[in-house]
Structure formats: structure tokens, C-alpha cells
Amino acid sequence: MLEIKISGRGGQGVVVAASTLGLSYFNAGMYPQCYSVYGGERRGAPVVGFLRVDLEKVLLKCEIRRPNSLIYLDDSLFDAADVRNLLKPGDTILINTTRSLEQLGDLHGLRVGLIDAAYVSEQAGLGRIINTTVLGAYCRLAGQPELNCLLDALAEAIPVKRRANREAAQRAFDAVKITEVA
């Protein structure tokens, strides 16, 4: 079972990102289970989306404590996290950041993806909306689901700015910097 945790702030589209990624895996023939956690204060407050994916129906209904993949839409949330205690060697982490790998600290044993999602989103015509951009980068980092499954899910789940969302996901897929940190 693949377990993914998406962290961001209210207004960044964490809930939409988690459900759209779930739909992408569904389009790839897998079974997703998606839920989010957030407080009463939405704009700017931390929001977490959880996604479980498996080849069989997902029956487990508890919080994900040790995900296989972490996605940070806001790198200040990465700074506050204890990533070394969350991930195991070989797991993946995607961070929306302008910082270099060296500036992020000890990530040895992980497959790391870095993307300046705000820049990519603006280039695609989405302004500062980064959730679909980050999903394109994640597809390349994780190697699944295939990008076309994500693009189909975007067209289905997000009816506005379809062309811009598609372009942002494709650009991020091509632009994400991936490193296997030894």
C-alpha cells in the first residue's frame, strides 16, 4: 500500500491536490482513499491531505503516520517537520521551494524532488495557484501515476483553466529536479 501525505497552507489547494491525485491513481486502475485535516481557520493555516492507494480496496481508516511519500506545498512546513522520523530510506519527498538541496539539510537515503511551483504556475497562466503544478512534479518523482492519468484527472476534477492546469502539470513534470541522496 502506498501512503502519501501532502502538507500545505489553507488556500494552496491541498484538499483538491489530494483528491485529484487520488483520481489519477483511480484512472490508473488502483483504489484510492483520500481525506484531509484542517482547523477552523483556513486561509494560511496548516492543512494536511492524506492519500492511500492500493491494488485492492483500501479498508484502513486511520491517520497516516509513516508515509512513503511526502509532498510540501510550503517549504516552511518542511522546516518544521522531522522528516528523518517520518520517512524510510528509498521513500520520496517533493518540496515546493526555491532553495537548493544543500540548504534543506539531511535527506540522505531519500529520493528528493525540488520544484519552484510558483514560477512554473505563473508561466502556465495560473498565477500563484500551485497544487496542479506540484502534482505534475510528483508524477515524475514517484514514477506513478502516469502523467496522462493525472492530466485526465485534472480535466475531470478541475473544470476551470483546464489548459493552464494541464500546461502547469506538464511543465512541472519536465522541470522537477530529482536527486537520489546517498
Protein backbone atom coordinates (compact mmCIF):
# COMPACT_ATOMS: atom_id res chain seq x y z
CA MET A 1 0.00 0.00 0.00
CA LEU A 2 1.28 3.45 -0.94
CA GLU A 3 0.69 6.19 1.64
CA ILE A 4 1.11 9.86 0.74
CA LYS A 5 0.96 12.93 2.97
CA ILE A 6 0.50 16.38 1.39
CA SER A 7 1.22 19.41 3.60
CA GLY A 8 0.41 22.98 2.73
CA ARG A 9 -1.44 26.02 3.94
CA GLY A 10 -5.09 26.94 3.59
CA GLY A 11 -5.68 28.43 0.18
CA GLN A 12 -2.95 26.42 -1.58
CA GLY A 13 -5.33 23.66 -2.67
CA VAL A 14 -4.14 20.74 -0.53
CA VAL A 15 -7.60 19.16 -0.41
CA VAL A 16 -8.04 19.46 -4.19
CA ALA A 17 -4.50 18.16 -4.75
CA ALA A 18 -5.10 15.06 -2.63
CA SER A 19 -8.44 14.23 -4.25
CA THR A 20 -7.12 14.88 -7.77
CA LEU A 21 -4.07 12.69 -7.16
CA GLY A 22 -6.44 10.02 -5.84
CA LEU A 23 -8.49 10.29 -9.03
CA SER A 24 -5.25 9.96 -11.03
CA TYR A 25 -4.47 6.67 -9.32
CA PHE A 26 -8.07 5.55 -9.86
CA ASN A 27 -7.64 6.33 -13.58
CA ALA A 28 -4.54 4.10 -13.45
CA GLY A 29 -6.65 1.19 -12.16
CA MET A 30 -5.88 1.47 -8.45
CA TYR A 31 -8.04 2.07 -5.39
CA PRO A 32 -7.53 5.41 -3.59
CA GLN A 33 -8.69 6.58 -0.19
CA CYS A 34 -8.35 10.29 0.46
CA TYR A 35 -9.06 12.58 3.41
CA SER A 36 -7.81 15.89 4.77
CA VAL A 37 -7.28 17.50 8.17
CA TYR A 38 -7.59 21.21 8.85
CA GLY A 39 -8.82 23.51 11.60
CA GLY A 40 -11.47 26.19 11.61
CA GLU A 41 -9.02 28.80 10.33
CA ARG A 42 -8.50 28.02 6.67
CA ARG A 43 -6.54 30.74 4.86
CA GLY A 44 -2.84 30.36 5.71
CA ALA A 45 -3.27 27.75 8.45
CA PRO A 46 -1.61 24.32 8.01
CA VAL A 47 -3.65 21.78 6.06
CA VAL A 48 -2.76 18.13 5.52
CA GLY A 49 -4.12 15.80 2.86
CA PHE A 50 -3.71 12.04 3.20
CA LEU A 51 -3.95 9.52 0.40
CA ARG A 52 -3.71 5.74 0.48
CA VAL A 53 -3.51 3.80 -2.77
CA ASP A 54 -3.51 0.06 -3.35
CA LEU A 55 -4.33 -2.55 -5.97
CA GLU A 56 -7.16 -3.74 -3.69
CA LYS A 57 -9.85 -1.74 -1.89
CA VAL A 58 -8.39 0.29 0.95
CA LEU A 59 -10.15 -0.54 4.21
CA LEU A 60 -7.71 1.03 6.67
CA LYS A 61 -9.25 4.20 8.12
CA CYS A 62 -6.66 5.82 10.37
CA GLU A 63 -4.20 8.68 10.09
CA ILE A 64 -1.04 8.04 8.10
CA ARG A 65 1.89 8.20 10.50
CA ARG A 66 4.76 6.88 8.31
CA PRO A 67 4.02 7.76 4.67
CA ASN A 68 6.03 6.51 1.71
CA SER A 69 5.85 9.94 0.12
CA LEU A 70 5.73 13.47 1.48
CA ILE A 71 4.70 16.49 -0.57
CA TYR A 72 5.24 20.00 0.78
CA LEU A 73 3.40 22.83 -0.95
CA ASP A 74 5.01 25.27 1.51
CA ASP A 75 8.67 24.77 2.39
CA SER A 76 8.25 26.46 5.79
CA LEU A 77 6.19 23.39 6.80
CA PHE A 78 9.10 21.21 5.71
CA ASP A 79 11.37 23.23 8.02
CA ALA A 80 9.08 22.45 10.96
CA ALA A 81 8.83 18.71 10.18
CA ASP A 82 11.02 15.91 11.46
CA VAL A 83 11.36 14.24 8.07
CA ARG A 84 14.01 11.76 9.25
CA ASN A 85 11.45 10.22 11.64
CA LEU A 86 8.68 10.13 9.02
CA LEU A 87 10.40 8.55 6.02
CA LYS A 88 12.45 5.42 5.48
CA PRO A 89 15.39 5.02 3.06
CA GLY A 90 14.09 4.90 -0.50
CA ASP A 91 10.95 6.95 0.25
CA THR A 92 10.18 10.12 -1.73
CA ILE A 93 9.83 13.75 -0.75
CA LEU A 94 8.74 16.61 -3.01
CA ILE A 95 9.25 20.18 -1.84
CA ASN A 96 7.97 23.36 -3.45
CA THR A 97 10.97 25.60 -2.83
CA THR A 98 13.50 27.96 -4.34
CA ARG A 99 16.22 26.58 -2.07
CA SER A 100 18.92 24.14 -3.13
CA LEU A 101 19.19 20.58 -1.88
CA GLU A 102 22.16 21.57 0.28
CA GLN A 103 20.11 24.27 2.02
CA LEU A 104 17.43 21.78 3.06
CA GLY A 105 19.52 19.67 5.41
CA ASP A 106 19.98 15.94 5.83
CA LEU A 107 17.86 13.98 3.37
CA HIS A 108 20.21 11.02 2.84
CA GLY A 109 18.64 7.81 1.63
CA LEU A 110 15.65 9.61 0.10
CA ARG A 111 14.52 10.32 -3.45
CA VAL A 112 14.09 14.10 -3.40
CA GLY A 113 12.24 16.31 -5.86
CA LEU A 114 12.54 20.09 -5.81
CA ILE A 115 10.30 22.41 -7.81
CA ASP A 116 9.66 26.14 -7.80
CA ALA A 117 5.95 25.59 -8.32
CA ALA A 118 5.06 29.29 -8.06
CA TYR A 119 7.32 30.10 -11.01
CA VAL A 120 6.03 27.20 -13.11
CA SER A 121 2.40 28.06 -12.29
CA GLU A 122 2.86 31.69 -13.26
CA GLN A 123 4.50 30.66 -16.55
CA ALA A 124 1.49 28.44 -17.31
CA GLY A 125 -1.01 31.21 -16.57
CA LEU A 126 -2.26 30.03 -13.16
CA GLY A 127 -0.79 32.82 -11.10
CA ARG A 128 0.19 31.60 -7.63
CA ILE A 129 -2.05 28.51 -7.69
CA ILE A 130 0.40 25.63 -7.30
CA ASN A 131 -1.48 22.44 -6.48
CA THR A 132 -1.77 21.06 -10.02
CA THR A 133 1.81 22.09 -10.72
CA VAL A 134 3.08 20.11 -7.74
CA LEU A 135 1.11 17.06 -8.88
CA GLY A 136 2.89 17.06 -12.24
CA ALA A 137 6.24 17.11 -10.44
CA TYR A 138 5.10 14.31 -8.12
CA CYS A 139 4.14 12.03 -11.05
CA ARG A 140 7.69 12.24 -12.37
CA LEU A 141 9.33 11.89 -8.94
CA ALA A 142 7.27 8.88 -7.90
CA GLY A 143 7.07 7.32 -11.35
CA GLN A 144 3.33 6.90 -10.89
CA PRO A 145 0.64 7.51 -11.78
CA GLU A 146 1.46 8.15 -15.40
CA LEU A 147 1.20 11.78 -16.42
CA ASN A 148 -1.71 11.08 -18.78
CA CYS A 149 -3.72 9.68 -15.81
CA LEU A 150 -3.08 12.95 -13.97
CA LEU A 151 -3.99 15.06 -16.99
CA ASP A 152 -7.28 13.15 -17.36
CA ALA A 153 -7.99 13.65 -13.63
CA LEU A 154 -7.27 17.38 -13.91
CA ALA A 155 -9.73 17.73 -16.78
CA GLU A 156 -12.38 15.89 -14.76
CA ALA A 157 -11.80 17.37 -11.31
CA ILE A 158 -10.91 20.98 -12.12
CA PRO A 159 -13.21 22.42 -14.78
CA VAL A 160 -11.70 25.93 -14.75
CA LYS A 161 -8.49 26.89 -16.53
CA ARG A 162 -8.14 23.40 -18.00
CA ARG A 163 -5.44 24.34 -20.48
CA ALA A 164 -3.39 26.23 -17.89
CA ASN A 165 -3.64 23.37 -15.35
CA ARG A 166 -2.59 20.86 -17.99
CA GLU A 167 0.33 23.05 -19.04
CA ALA A 168 1.44 23.63 -15.44
CA ALA A 169 1.43 19.89 -14.67
CA GLN A 170 3.36 19.11 -17.87
CA ARG A 171 5.91 21.89 -17.23
CA ALA A 172 6.46 20.71 -13.65
CA PHE A 173 6.82 17.10 -14.81
CA ASP A 174 9.62 18.29 -17.11
CA ALA A 175 11.20 20.80 -14.67
CA VAL A 176 11.35 18.97 -11.32
CA LYS A 177 14.91 18.41 -10.10
CA ILE A 178 15.22 14.84 -8.80
CA THR A 179 18.11 13.56 -6.69
CA GLU A 180 18.76 10.21 -5.04
CA VAL A 181 20.53 11.44 -1.90
CA ALA A 182 23.21 8.92 -0.88
